[in-house]
Structure formats: structure tokens, C-alpha cells
Amino acid sequence: MGRHVEIFDHTADVGLEARADTLGELLEAMAEALTDVVLDRRTVAPRETRRIRATAERLDWLVVDFLSEVMRAIQADRFAVASVRVTEASETAAVGELCGEPLDPARHEPRTEIKAVTYHYLEARRDGDAWRARVVLDV
């Protein structure tokens, strides 16, 4: 199966729904989809790597915390993300690497500003041999 992600509209928000073979792949797919909402990842060169870490008491909250760390890198650190690699993942902690470069407004045209990763319609679970997650982004 590999990994699969969909971006869906939700009223005035944007939703992400993904499934993957592993928890790490699930977090990678969700993080890259979030980045695709913000900008065109194809315009980003993988020149630098930034490490992120998220912890939470349960899996669905971990998804929110992990995506919030990606958002912080994009918005606060002005880092354009080309790809995401999760190096460690459990249901309560994840460590990842963001590959990309400093945000360059001349090359990285913004698509949508995300205000927050929300808990609205939040879902994350293991489903047989796959992992699934859904989250809504406040835009």
C-alpha cells in the first residue's frame, strides 16, 4: 500500500486525511500535505535539514503536535520544507527531519496561510496493517 494522503475542503478550513503502512510514513505524509497547503514543495531545494520533535499523551494529539512543529518551522523560522523524514515514531513521541531551505518570497509563492492545526474531527489510529489519520487545519 505504501502511503496515501488526501487534502479535502472543510467549510472555511482545510482537512488532511492519510493512511500509510507505518506510523512514521503517516506522519511524513501528513506533514508534507500540510506543507503543500502552504506552498509548492516542488520549488523548494533540499539544502538544509532541521530536526523536530513532538510528544503527546496519545496518538491523535501527537499528530497535532507534530504538524504544529512543522508549522512553527515554516511560519516562525521562515523555513520552506521540501520533504519530511521521520526517524523515530511511537504513539506518544516522534522525531523528524525537515529538508528544505530558508523561505524565499521570490521563489516560494505562498498558497494558504494556516492559523492552527485543530482538534476538530481529529482522528488517528492503527487500522489492521495500516495507520490512518485525519486533521482539520484552520485557515
C-alpha atoms as a PDB file:
ATOM      1  CA  MET A   1       0.000   0.000   0.000  1.00  0.00           C
ATOM      2  CA  GLY A   2       2.770   2.488   0.746  1.00  0.00           C
ATOM      3  CA  ARG A   3       1.311   5.798   1.780  1.00  0.00           C
ATOM      4  CA  HIS A   4      -1.627   7.842   0.588  1.00  0.00           C
ATOM      5  CA  VAL A   5      -2.865  11.301   1.517  1.00  0.00           C
ATOM      6  CA  GLU A   6      -5.839  13.445   0.526  1.00  0.00           C
ATOM      7  CA  ILE A   7      -6.457  17.137   1.055  1.00  0.00           C
ATOM      8  CA  PHE A   8     -10.131  17.993   1.465  1.00  0.00           C
ATOM      9  CA  ASP A   9     -12.102  21.196   1.947  1.00  0.00           C
ATOM     10  CA  HIS A  10     -13.954  21.607   5.212  1.00  0.00           C
ATOM     11  CA  THR A  11     -16.201  24.677   5.373  1.00  0.00           C
ATOM     12  CA  ALA A  12     -13.684  27.557   5.689  1.00  0.00           C
ATOM     13  CA  ASP A  13     -10.918  25.144   6.703  1.00  0.00           C
ATOM     14  CA  VAL A  14      -8.752  22.522   5.007  1.00  0.00           C
ATOM     15  CA  GLY A  15      -8.614  18.893   6.068  1.00  0.00           C
ATOM     16  CA  LEU A  16      -5.892  16.313   5.667  1.00  0.00           C
ATOM     17  CA  GLU A  17      -6.592  12.605   5.663  1.00  0.00           C
ATOM     18  CA  ALA A  18      -3.869   9.980   5.219  1.00  0.00           C
ATOM     19  CA  ARG A  19      -3.115   6.313   5.521  1.00  0.00           C
ATOM     20  CA  ALA A  20       0.264   4.581   5.484  1.00  0.00           C
ATOM     21  CA  ASP A  21       1.979   1.312   6.266  1.00  0.00           C
ATOM     22  CA  THR A  22       3.911   2.711   9.233  1.00  0.00           C
ATOM     23  CA  LEU A  23       3.358   5.453  11.778  1.00  0.00           C
ATOM     24  CA  GLY A  24       6.468   7.244  10.532  1.00  0.00           C
ATOM     25  CA  GLU A  25       5.169   7.250   6.951  1.00  0.00           C
ATOM     26  CA  LEU A  26       1.805   8.514   8.187  1.00  0.00           C
ATOM     27  CA  LEU A  27       3.414  11.489   9.945  1.00  0.00           C
ATOM     28  CA  GLU A  28       5.594  12.184   6.899  1.00  0.00           C
ATOM     29  CA  ALA A  29       2.563  12.161   4.575  1.00  0.00           C
ATOM     30  CA  MET A  30       0.547  14.446   6.851  1.00  0.00           C
ATOM     31  CA  ALA A  31       3.469  16.877   7.270  1.00  0.00           C
ATOM     32  CA  GLU A  32       4.172  17.028   3.537  1.00  0.00           C
ATOM     33  CA  ALA A  33       0.469  17.564   2.802  1.00  0.00           C
ATOM     34  CA  LEU A  34       0.404  20.445   5.304  1.00  0.00           C
ATOM     35  CA  THR A  35       3.403  21.932   3.503  1.00  0.00           C
ATOM     36  CA  ASP A  36       1.614  21.520   0.152  1.00  0.00           C
ATOM     37  CA  VAL A  37      -1.262  23.602   1.514  1.00  0.00           C
ATOM     38  CA  VAL A  38       1.180  26.404   2.417  1.00  0.00           C
ATOM     39  CA  LEU A  39       3.419  26.410  -0.688  1.00  0.00           C
ATOM     40  CA  ASP A  40       4.522  24.398  -3.704  1.00  0.00           C
ATOM     41  CA  ARG A  41       7.150  21.984  -2.360  1.00  0.00           C
ATOM     42  CA  ARG A  42       8.457  21.444  -5.905  1.00  0.00           C
ATOM     43  CA  THR A  43      10.002  24.938  -5.744  1.00  0.00           C
ATOM     44  CA  VAL A  44      11.985  24.131  -2.587  1.00  0.00           C
ATOM     45  CA  ALA A  45      15.578  22.882  -2.751  1.00  0.00           C
ATOM     46  CA  PRO A  46      16.665  20.385  -0.069  1.00  0.00           C
ATOM     47  CA  ARG A  47      19.679  22.429   1.093  1.00  0.00           C
ATOM     48  CA  GLU A  48      19.340  22.161   4.876  1.00  0.00           C
ATOM     49  CA  THR A  49      17.933  19.770   7.439  1.00  0.00           C
ATOM     50  CA  ARG A  50      16.072  20.839  10.577  1.00  0.00           C
ATOM     51  CA  ARG A  51      15.239  18.425  13.370  1.00  0.00           C
ATOM     52  CA  ILE A  52      11.817  18.496  15.016  1.00  0.00           C
ATOM     53  CA  ARG A  53      10.430  16.586  17.978  1.00  0.00           C
ATOM     54  CA  ALA A  54       6.895  16.128  19.260  1.00  0.00           C
ATOM     55  CA  THR A  55       5.499  14.353  22.295  1.00  0.00           C
ATOM     56  CA  ALA A  56       1.945  13.793  23.462  1.00  0.00           C
ATOM     57  CA  GLU A  57      -0.075  11.599  25.770  1.00  0.00           C
ATOM     58  CA  ARG A  58      -1.892   9.862  22.918  1.00  0.00           C
ATOM     59  CA  LEU A  59      -1.578   9.237  19.184  1.00  0.00           C
ATOM     60  CA  ASP A  60      -4.127  11.740  17.865  1.00  0.00           C
ATOM     61  CA  TRP A  61      -2.587  14.542  19.945  1.00  0.00           C
ATOM     62  CA  LEU A  62       0.853  13.518  18.657  1.00  0.00           C
ATOM     63  CA  VAL A  63      -0.337  14.117  15.089  1.00  0.00           C
ATOM     64  CA  VAL A  64      -1.428  17.653  16.064  1.00  0.00           C
ATOM     65  CA  ASP A  65       1.816  18.345  17.928  1.00  0.00           C
ATOM     66  CA  PHE A  66       3.997  17.001  15.102  1.00  0.00           C
ATOM     67  CA  LEU A  67       2.174  19.079  12.476  1.00  0.00           C
ATOM     68  CA  SER A  68       2.341  22.119  14.753  1.00  0.00           C
ATOM     69  CA  GLU A  69       6.132  21.725  14.884  1.00  0.00           C
ATOM     70  CA  VAL A  70       6.234  21.674  11.086  1.00  0.00           C
ATOM     71  CA  MET A  71       4.083  24.825  11.018  1.00  0.00           C
ATOM     72  CA  ARG A  72       6.398  26.527  13.521  1.00  0.00           C
ATOM     73  CA  ALA A  73       9.384  25.819  11.270  1.00  0.00           C
ATOM     74  CA  ILE A  74       7.556  27.268   8.276  1.00  0.00           C
ATOM     75  CA  GLN A  75       5.995  30.303   9.949  1.00  0.00           C
ATOM     76  CA  ALA A  76       8.275  31.275  12.834  1.00  0.00           C
ATOM     77  CA  ASP A  77      11.608  30.081  11.422  1.00  0.00           C
ATOM     78  CA  ARG A  78      10.682  31.001   7.818  1.00  0.00           C
ATOM     79  CA  PHE A  79      11.836  27.587   6.589  1.00  0.00           C
ATOM     80  CA  ALA A  80      10.442  26.203   3.321  1.00  0.00           C
ATOM     81  CA  VAL A  81      10.010  22.431   3.543  1.00  0.00           C
ATOM     82  CA  ALA A  82      10.762  20.178   0.564  1.00  0.00           C
ATOM     83  CA  SER A  83      10.372  16.840   2.341  1.00  0.00           C
ATOM     84  CA  VAL A  84       9.908  15.264   5.762  1.00  0.00           C
ATOM     85  CA  ARG A  85      11.570  12.168   7.157  1.00  0.00           C
ATOM     86  CA  VAL A  86      10.523  10.631  10.465  1.00  0.00           C
ATOM     87  CA  THR A  87      13.478   8.949  12.163  1.00  0.00           C
ATOM     88  CA  GLU A  88      11.696   7.758  15.322  1.00  0.00           C
ATOM     89  CA  ALA A  89       7.997   7.227  15.965  1.00  0.00           C
ATOM     90  CA  SER A  90       5.834   5.758  18.690  1.00  0.00           C
ATOM     91  CA  GLU A  91       2.242   6.540  19.656  1.00  0.00           C
ATOM     92  CA  THR A  92       3.476   9.213  22.097  1.00  0.00           C
ATOM     93  CA  ALA A  93       6.660  10.627  20.524  1.00  0.00           C
ATOM     94  CA  ALA A  94       8.142  11.382  17.128  1.00  0.00           C
ATOM     95  CA  VAL A  95      11.404  12.798  15.845  1.00  0.00           C
ATOM     96  CA  GLY A  96      11.717  14.023  12.309  1.00  0.00           C
ATOM     97  CA  GLU A  97      13.897  15.897   9.872  1.00  0.00           C
ATOM     98  CA  LEU A  98      12.626  18.685   7.653  1.00  0.00           C
ATOM     99  CA  CYS A  99      14.618  19.038   4.458  1.00  0.00           C
ATOM    100  CA  GLY A 100      14.417  22.405   2.748  1.00  0.00           C
ATOM    101  CA  GLU A 101      15.813  25.912   2.690  1.00  0.00           C
ATOM    102  CA  PRO A 102      15.170  29.403   4.055  1.00  0.00           C
ATOM    103  CA  LEU A 103      11.914  30.804   2.729  1.00  0.00           C
ATOM    104  CA  ASP A 104      12.499  32.987  -0.340  1.00  0.00           C
ATOM    105  CA  PRO A 105       9.369  35.007  -1.262  1.00  0.00           C
ATOM    106  CA  ALA A 106      10.696  35.403  -4.818  1.00  0.00           C
ATOM    107  CA  ARG A 107      10.698  31.613  -5.346  1.00  0.00           C
ATOM    108  CA  HIS A 108       8.293  30.229  -2.751  1.00  0.00           C
ATOM    109  CA  GLU A 109       4.924  31.748  -3.544  1.00  0.00           C
ATOM    110  CA  PRO A 110       2.517  31.334  -0.616  1.00  0.00           C
ATOM    111  CA  ARG A 111      -0.699  29.405  -1.216  1.00  0.00           C
ATOM    112  CA  THR A 112      -2.696  29.397   2.017  1.00  0.00           C
ATOM    113  CA  GLU A 113      -1.905  30.709   5.486  1.00  0.00           C
ATOM    114  CA  ILE A 114      -2.620  28.195   8.217  1.00  0.00           C
ATOM    115  CA  LYS A 115      -3.658  29.626  11.571  1.00  0.00           C
ATOM    116  CA  ALA A 116      -3.596  26.360  13.503  1.00  0.00           C
ATOM    117  CA  VAL A 117      -3.788  22.590  13.422  1.00  0.00           C
ATOM    118  CA  THR A 118      -7.070  21.875  15.190  1.00  0.00           C
ATOM    119  CA  TYR A 119      -8.580  19.064  17.237  1.00  0.00           C
ATOM    120  CA  HIS A 120     -11.825  19.366  15.215  1.00  0.00           C
ATOM    121  CA  TYR A 121     -12.660  15.973  13.599  1.00  0.00           C
ATOM    122  CA  LEU A 122      -9.240  14.759  14.766  1.00  0.00           C
ATOM    123  CA  GLU A 123      -8.646  11.052  14.344  1.00  0.00           C
ATOM    124  CA  ALA A 124      -5.540   8.853  14.376  1.00  0.00           C
ATOM    125  CA  ARG A 125      -5.423   5.105  14.755  1.00  0.00           C
ATOM    126  CA  ARG A 126      -3.944   1.837  13.672  1.00  0.00           C
ATOM    127  CA  ASP A 127      -6.388   0.080  11.352  1.00  0.00           C
ATOM    128  CA  GLY A 128      -5.295  -3.514  10.759  1.00  0.00           C
ATOM    129  CA  ASP A 129      -1.968  -3.344   8.923  1.00  0.00           C
ATOM    130  CA  ALA A 130      -2.254   0.382   8.210  1.00  0.00           C
ATOM    131  CA  TRP A 131      -2.150   3.655  10.110  1.00  0.00           C
ATOM    132  CA  ARG A 132      -4.801   6.340   9.456  1.00  0.00           C
ATOM    133  CA  ALA A 133      -5.167   9.970  10.487  1.00  0.00           C
ATOM    134  CA  ARG A 134      -7.434  12.943   9.815  1.00  0.00           C
ATOM    135  CA  VAL A 135      -6.948  16.519  10.932  1.00  0.00           C
ATOM    136  CA  VAL A 136      -8.506  19.878  10.075  1.00  0.00           C
ATOM    137  CA  LEU A 137      -6.368  22.989   9.529  1.00  0.00           C
ATOM    138  CA  ASP A 138      -7.762  26.384  10.469  1.00  0.00           C
ATOM    139  CA  VAL A 139      -7.018  28.693   7.530  1.00  0.00           C
END
